Amino acid sequence: MSPTEQPTVLIVEDEPAQREVLAYNLQAEGFRVSKAENGEEALLLVDEQAPDIIVLDWMLPSVSGIEVCRRLKSRADTRGVPIIMLSARSEEVDRVRGLETGADDYVVKPYSVVELMARVRAQLRRTRPAAVGQRLEFEDILLDAETHKVFRSDKPLKLGPTEFRLLSTFMEKPGRVWSREQLLDRVWGRDIYVDTRTVDVHIGRLRKALCQHGGSDPVRTVRGAGYALG
């Protein structure tokens, strides 16, 4: 994965040793990592830039993990971010409470780091399939994220790396309208300054690449909002 393709994992854990072990293992797997040591800090980080997935400890100082989960799942802009809840509470009633609050998965401490990594990847296969090497299909377009190849009507297409990342972003959520700013964050990276007009240039290149063997343009311009696939 190139840096701009790496999904971002937010670790919310008040125990420094646990937090660093998780961060080390996630970074070794190729993920970008941000860290918070309490619920308030986690909510601030999510407001600044929503991560692709959150690994959230239940027992946190100030705002509890269960309350962080409840707040994020009640908001339209963060409802779709997967949350894996970590807890020393192993009783069924606690697991049910965590899941009913909106957590997408629930892992009991002490846990296997290998198993947790697998659960992170499983959640991302649902929300960021291209980022974990999945094949994506939309109408007559096939994108193979593992081999970085794209086909349309079984004919190979030549795409530059930026156009490939743009297409994979669109194909993960067909029909969703992406603003230029959102595409800059996802495709170019959150720490890189690029003029929003650059997005228009690369959208033009993507359209040309998708139609190099004929066929209609599948990329839709939504006036005042951005771009969408289909």
Protein backbone atom coordinates (compact mmCIF):
# COMPACT_ATOMS: atom_id res chain seq x y z
CA MET A 1 0.00 0.00 0.00
CA SER A 2 1.23 3.48 -0.75
CA PRO A 3 0.87 6.02 2.09
CA THR A 4 -2.21 7.66 0.55
CA GLU A 5 -3.97 4.33 0.29
CA GLN A 6 -3.41 3.24 3.87
CA PRO A 7 -6.58 3.16 5.97
CA THR A 8 -6.33 5.13 9.21
CA VAL A 9 -7.00 3.35 12.50
CA LEU A 10 -7.79 5.43 15.60
CA ILE A 11 -6.72 3.65 18.80
CA VAL A 12 -8.53 4.87 21.91
CA GLU A 13 -6.84 3.24 24.93
CA ASP A 14 -5.81 4.81 28.26
CA GLU A 15 -3.13 2.21 29.08
CA PRO A 16 0.11 3.43 27.38
CA ALA A 17 1.63 -0.06 26.99
CA GLN A 18 -1.52 -1.48 25.35
CA ARG A 19 -1.81 1.58 23.12
CA GLU A 20 1.77 1.30 21.88
CA VAL A 21 1.57 -2.47 21.27
CA LEU A 22 -1.56 -1.93 19.16
CA ALA A 23 0.00 0.99 17.29
CA TYR A 24 3.19 -0.98 16.55
CA ASN A 25 1.29 -3.98 15.19
CA LEU A 26 -1.12 -1.92 13.10
CA GLN A 27 1.72 0.11 11.58
CA ALA A 28 3.57 -3.14 10.83
CA GLU A 29 0.45 -4.26 8.92
CA GLY A 30 0.64 -1.10 6.80
CA PHE A 31 -2.01 1.02 8.49
CA ARG A 32 -1.82 4.69 9.41
CA VAL A 33 -2.41 5.11 13.15
CA SER A 34 -3.70 7.93 15.32
CA LYS A 35 -3.97 7.59 19.10
CA ALA A 36 -6.14 8.97 21.90
CA GLU A 37 -5.84 8.23 25.62
CA ASN A 38 -9.36 9.25 26.64
CA GLY A 39 -12.85 9.69 25.22
CA GLU A 40 -12.73 13.48 24.92
CA GLU A 41 -9.51 13.36 22.90
CA ALA A 42 -10.99 10.64 20.69
CA LEU A 43 -14.06 12.75 19.88
CA LEU A 44 -11.84 15.75 19.05
CA LEU A 45 -9.66 13.67 16.72
CA VAL A 46 -12.71 12.26 14.94
CA ASP A 47 -14.07 15.80 14.48
CA GLU A 48 -10.76 16.86 12.92
CA GLN A 49 -10.70 13.92 10.51
CA ALA A 50 -12.82 10.77 10.72
CA PRO A 51 -10.65 7.62 10.67
CA ASP A 52 -11.47 4.54 8.60
CA ILE A 53 -11.91 2.39 11.73
CA ILE A 54 -11.77 2.86 15.53
CA VAL A 55 -10.39 0.42 18.11
CA LEU A 56 -12.08 1.66 21.28
CA ASP A 57 -11.53 0.65 24.91
CA TRP A 58 -14.72 0.51 27.02
CA MET A 59 -13.14 1.75 30.29
CA LEU A 60 -11.80 5.25 29.66
CA PRO A 61 -11.35 8.30 31.91
CA SER A 62 -13.78 11.21 31.43
CA VAL A 63 -16.02 10.04 28.58
CA SER A 64 -16.39 6.22 28.54
CA GLY A 65 -15.86 4.13 25.43
CA ILE A 66 -19.52 3.13 25.37
CA GLU A 67 -20.51 6.82 25.40
CA VAL A 68 -18.00 7.64 22.63
CA CYS A 69 -19.51 4.81 20.58
CA ARG A 70 -23.07 6.02 21.25
CA ARG A 71 -22.25 9.60 20.18
CA LEU A 72 -20.41 8.60 17.00
CA LYS A 73 -23.10 6.14 15.91
CA SER A 74 -25.81 8.79 16.45
CA ARG A 75 -24.14 11.19 13.99
CA ALA A 76 -24.76 10.89 10.26
CA ASP A 77 -21.16 11.83 9.38
CA THR A 78 -19.54 9.15 11.59
CA ARG A 79 -22.23 6.45 11.73
CA GLY A 80 -20.52 4.41 9.03
CA VAL A 81 -17.09 4.29 10.73
CA PRO A 82 -16.59 0.73 12.09
CA ILE A 83 -15.92 0.51 15.85
CA ILE A 84 -14.26 -2.48 17.49
CA MET A 85 -14.91 -2.32 21.24
CA LEU A 86 -12.24 -3.67 23.63
CA SER A 87 -13.34 -4.65 27.12
CA ALA A 88 -12.38 -6.73 30.12
CA ARG A 89 -16.12 -7.32 30.56
CA SER A 90 -16.75 -10.83 29.27
CA GLU A 91 -20.35 -11.27 30.42
CA GLU A 92 -22.89 -11.73 27.65
CA VAL A 93 -24.97 -8.79 28.93
CA ASP A 94 -21.96 -6.46 28.49
CA ARG A 95 -21.21 -7.77 24.99
CA VAL A 96 -24.86 -7.24 24.03
CA ARG A 97 -24.83 -3.73 25.48
CA GLY A 98 -21.72 -2.85 23.50
CA LEU A 99 -23.18 -4.15 20.25
CA GLU A 100 -26.56 -2.52 20.88
CA THR A 101 -24.80 0.81 21.41
CA GLY A 102 -23.54 0.47 17.85
CA ALA A 103 -20.17 -1.27 18.10
CA ASP A 104 -19.47 -3.36 14.99
CA ASP A 105 -17.40 -5.91 16.90
CA TYR A 106 -16.56 -6.70 20.54
CA VAL A 107 -13.25 -8.16 21.71
CA VAL A 108 -12.67 -9.33 25.29
CA LYS A 109 -9.37 -8.59 27.08
CA PRO A 110 -6.89 -10.19 27.22
CA TYR A 111 -7.02 -10.63 23.46
CA SER A 112 -4.75 -12.04 20.77
CA VAL A 113 -3.17 -9.22 18.73
CA VAL A 114 -3.22 -11.50 15.68
CA GLU A 115 -6.96 -12.04 16.09
CA LEU A 116 -7.57 -8.31 16.56
CA MET A 117 -5.63 -7.53 13.36
CA ALA A 118 -7.83 -10.06 11.54
CA ARG A 119 -10.96 -8.38 12.91
CA VAL A 120 -9.71 -4.96 11.80
CA ARG A 121 -9.13 -6.29 8.28
CA ALA A 122 -12.57 -7.96 8.29
CA GLN A 123 -14.28 -4.66 9.09
CA LEU A 124 -12.24 -2.84 6.44
CA ARG A 125 -13.16 -5.43 3.81
CA ARG A 126 -16.71 -4.18 4.29
CA THR A 127 -16.00 -0.43 4.30
CA ARG A 128 -12.64 -0.02 2.46
CA PRO A 129 -12.38 -3.17 0.28
CA ALA A 130 -9.83 -1.75 -2.16
CA ALA A 131 -7.49 -0.82 0.68
CA VAL A 132 -7.22 -4.46 1.76
CA GLY A 133 -6.70 -5.90 -1.72
CA GLN A 134 -10.24 -6.81 -2.72
CA ARG A 135 -11.59 -6.97 -6.28
CA LEU A 136 -14.28 -4.38 -7.00
CA GLU A 137 -16.87 -4.41 -9.78
CA PHE A 138 -19.15 -1.70 -11.11
CA GLU A 139 -21.16 -2.37 -14.28
CA ASP A 140 -18.51 -3.41 -16.85
CA ILE A 141 -15.53 -2.13 -14.83
CA LEU A 142 -13.36 -4.49 -12.77
CA LEU A 143 -10.66 -3.21 -10.41
CA ASP A 144 -8.21 -5.66 -8.87
CA ALA A 145 -6.66 -3.84 -5.92
CA GLU A 146 -4.07 -6.54 -5.26
CA THR A 147 -2.57 -6.55 -8.76
CA HIS A 148 -3.38 -2.86 -9.48
CA LYS A 149 -5.11 -3.75 -12.74
CA VAL A 150 -8.33 -2.35 -14.18
CA PHE A 151 -10.49 -3.83 -16.94
CA ARG A 152 -13.53 -2.53 -18.77
CA SER A 153 -15.55 -5.03 -20.78
CA ASP A 154 -12.61 -7.42 -20.22
CA LYS A 155 -10.15 -5.00 -21.89
CA PRO A 156 -7.21 -3.78 -19.79
CA LEU A 157 -7.09 -0.05 -19.06
CA LYS A 158 -3.97 2.03 -18.51
CA LEU A 159 -4.36 4.25 -15.43
CA GLY A 160 -1.83 6.37 -13.57
CA PRO A 161 -1.46 5.77 -9.81
CA THR A 162 -3.57 8.80 -8.87
CA GLU A 163 -6.33 7.83 -11.29
CA PHE A 164 -6.25 4.28 -9.88
CA ARG A 165 -6.75 5.61 -6.33
CA LEU A 166 -9.56 7.88 -7.51
CA LEU A 167 -11.32 4.98 -9.22
CA SER A 168 -10.93 2.67 -6.22
CA THR A 169 -12.43 5.38 -3.97
CA PHE A 170 -15.42 5.75 -6.31
CA MET A 171 -15.88 1.98 -6.70
CA GLU A 172 -15.92 1.37 -2.95
CA LYS A 173 -19.10 3.45 -2.70
CA PRO A 174 -20.82 3.75 -6.11
CA GLY A 175 -23.34 6.56 -6.21
CA ARG A 176 -21.82 8.45 -3.29
CA VAL A 177 -20.98 12.07 -4.08
CA TRP A 178 -17.43 12.97 -3.04
CA SER A 179 -16.45 16.63 -2.61
CA ARG A 180 -13.07 17.77 -3.93
CA GLU A 181 -11.84 18.16 -0.34
CA GLN A 182 -12.87 14.59 0.54
CA LEU A 183 -11.12 13.24 -2.54
CA LEU A 184 -7.96 15.19 -1.65
CA ASP A 185 -7.96 13.61 1.82
CA ARG A 186 -8.59 10.08 0.56
CA VAL A 187 -6.45 10.07 -2.59
CA TRP A 188 -3.60 12.51 -1.97
CA GLY A 189 -3.39 12.18 1.82
CA ARG A 190 -4.36 14.32 4.78
CA ASP A 191 -0.92 15.83 5.32
CA ILE A 192 -0.34 17.01 1.74
CA TYR A 193 -1.46 20.38 0.41
CA VAL A 194 -2.82 20.17 -3.13
CA ASP A 195 -5.04 22.72 -4.86
CA THR A 196 -8.61 21.49 -5.30
CA ARG A 197 -8.36 22.22 -9.04
CA THR A 198 -5.84 19.36 -9.22
CA VAL A 199 -8.77 17.02 -8.52
CA ASP A 200 -10.55 18.25 -11.66
CA VAL A 201 -7.43 17.60 -13.76
CA HIS A 202 -7.14 14.00 -12.54
CA ILE A 203 -10.88 13.39 -12.90
CA GLY A 204 -10.47 14.40 -16.55
CA ARG A 205 -7.60 11.92 -16.93
CA LEU A 206 -9.65 9.19 -15.24
CA ARG A 207 -12.57 9.79 -17.60
CA LYS A 208 -10.27 9.59 -20.61
CA ALA A 209 -8.71 6.36 -19.32
CA LEU A 210 -12.08 4.74 -18.63
CA CYS A 211 -13.27 5.53 -22.16
CA GLN A 212 -10.05 4.58 -24.00
CA HIS A 213 -11.79 1.57 -25.60
CA GLY A 214 -15.15 3.32 -25.98
CA GLY A 215 -18.19 3.25 -23.74
CA SER A 216 -19.98 6.01 -21.89
CA ASP A 217 -18.39 8.12 -19.15
CA PRO A 218 -19.42 6.60 -15.79
CA VAL A 219 -18.14 9.53 -13.69
CA ARG A 220 -20.88 12.03 -12.87
CA THR A 221 -20.28 15.70 -12.04
CA VAL A 222 -22.64 16.99 -9.35
CA ARG A 223 -22.74 20.78 -9.64
CA GLY A 224 -21.63 22.48 -6.44
CA ALA A 225 -21.02 19.17 -4.67
CA GLY A 226 -18.33 17.09 -6.41
CA TYR A 227 -18.14 13.80 -8.29
CA ALA A 228 -19.73 10.36 -8.16
CA LEU A 229 -19.52 7.04 -9.98
CA GLY A 230 -22.84 6.21 -11.57
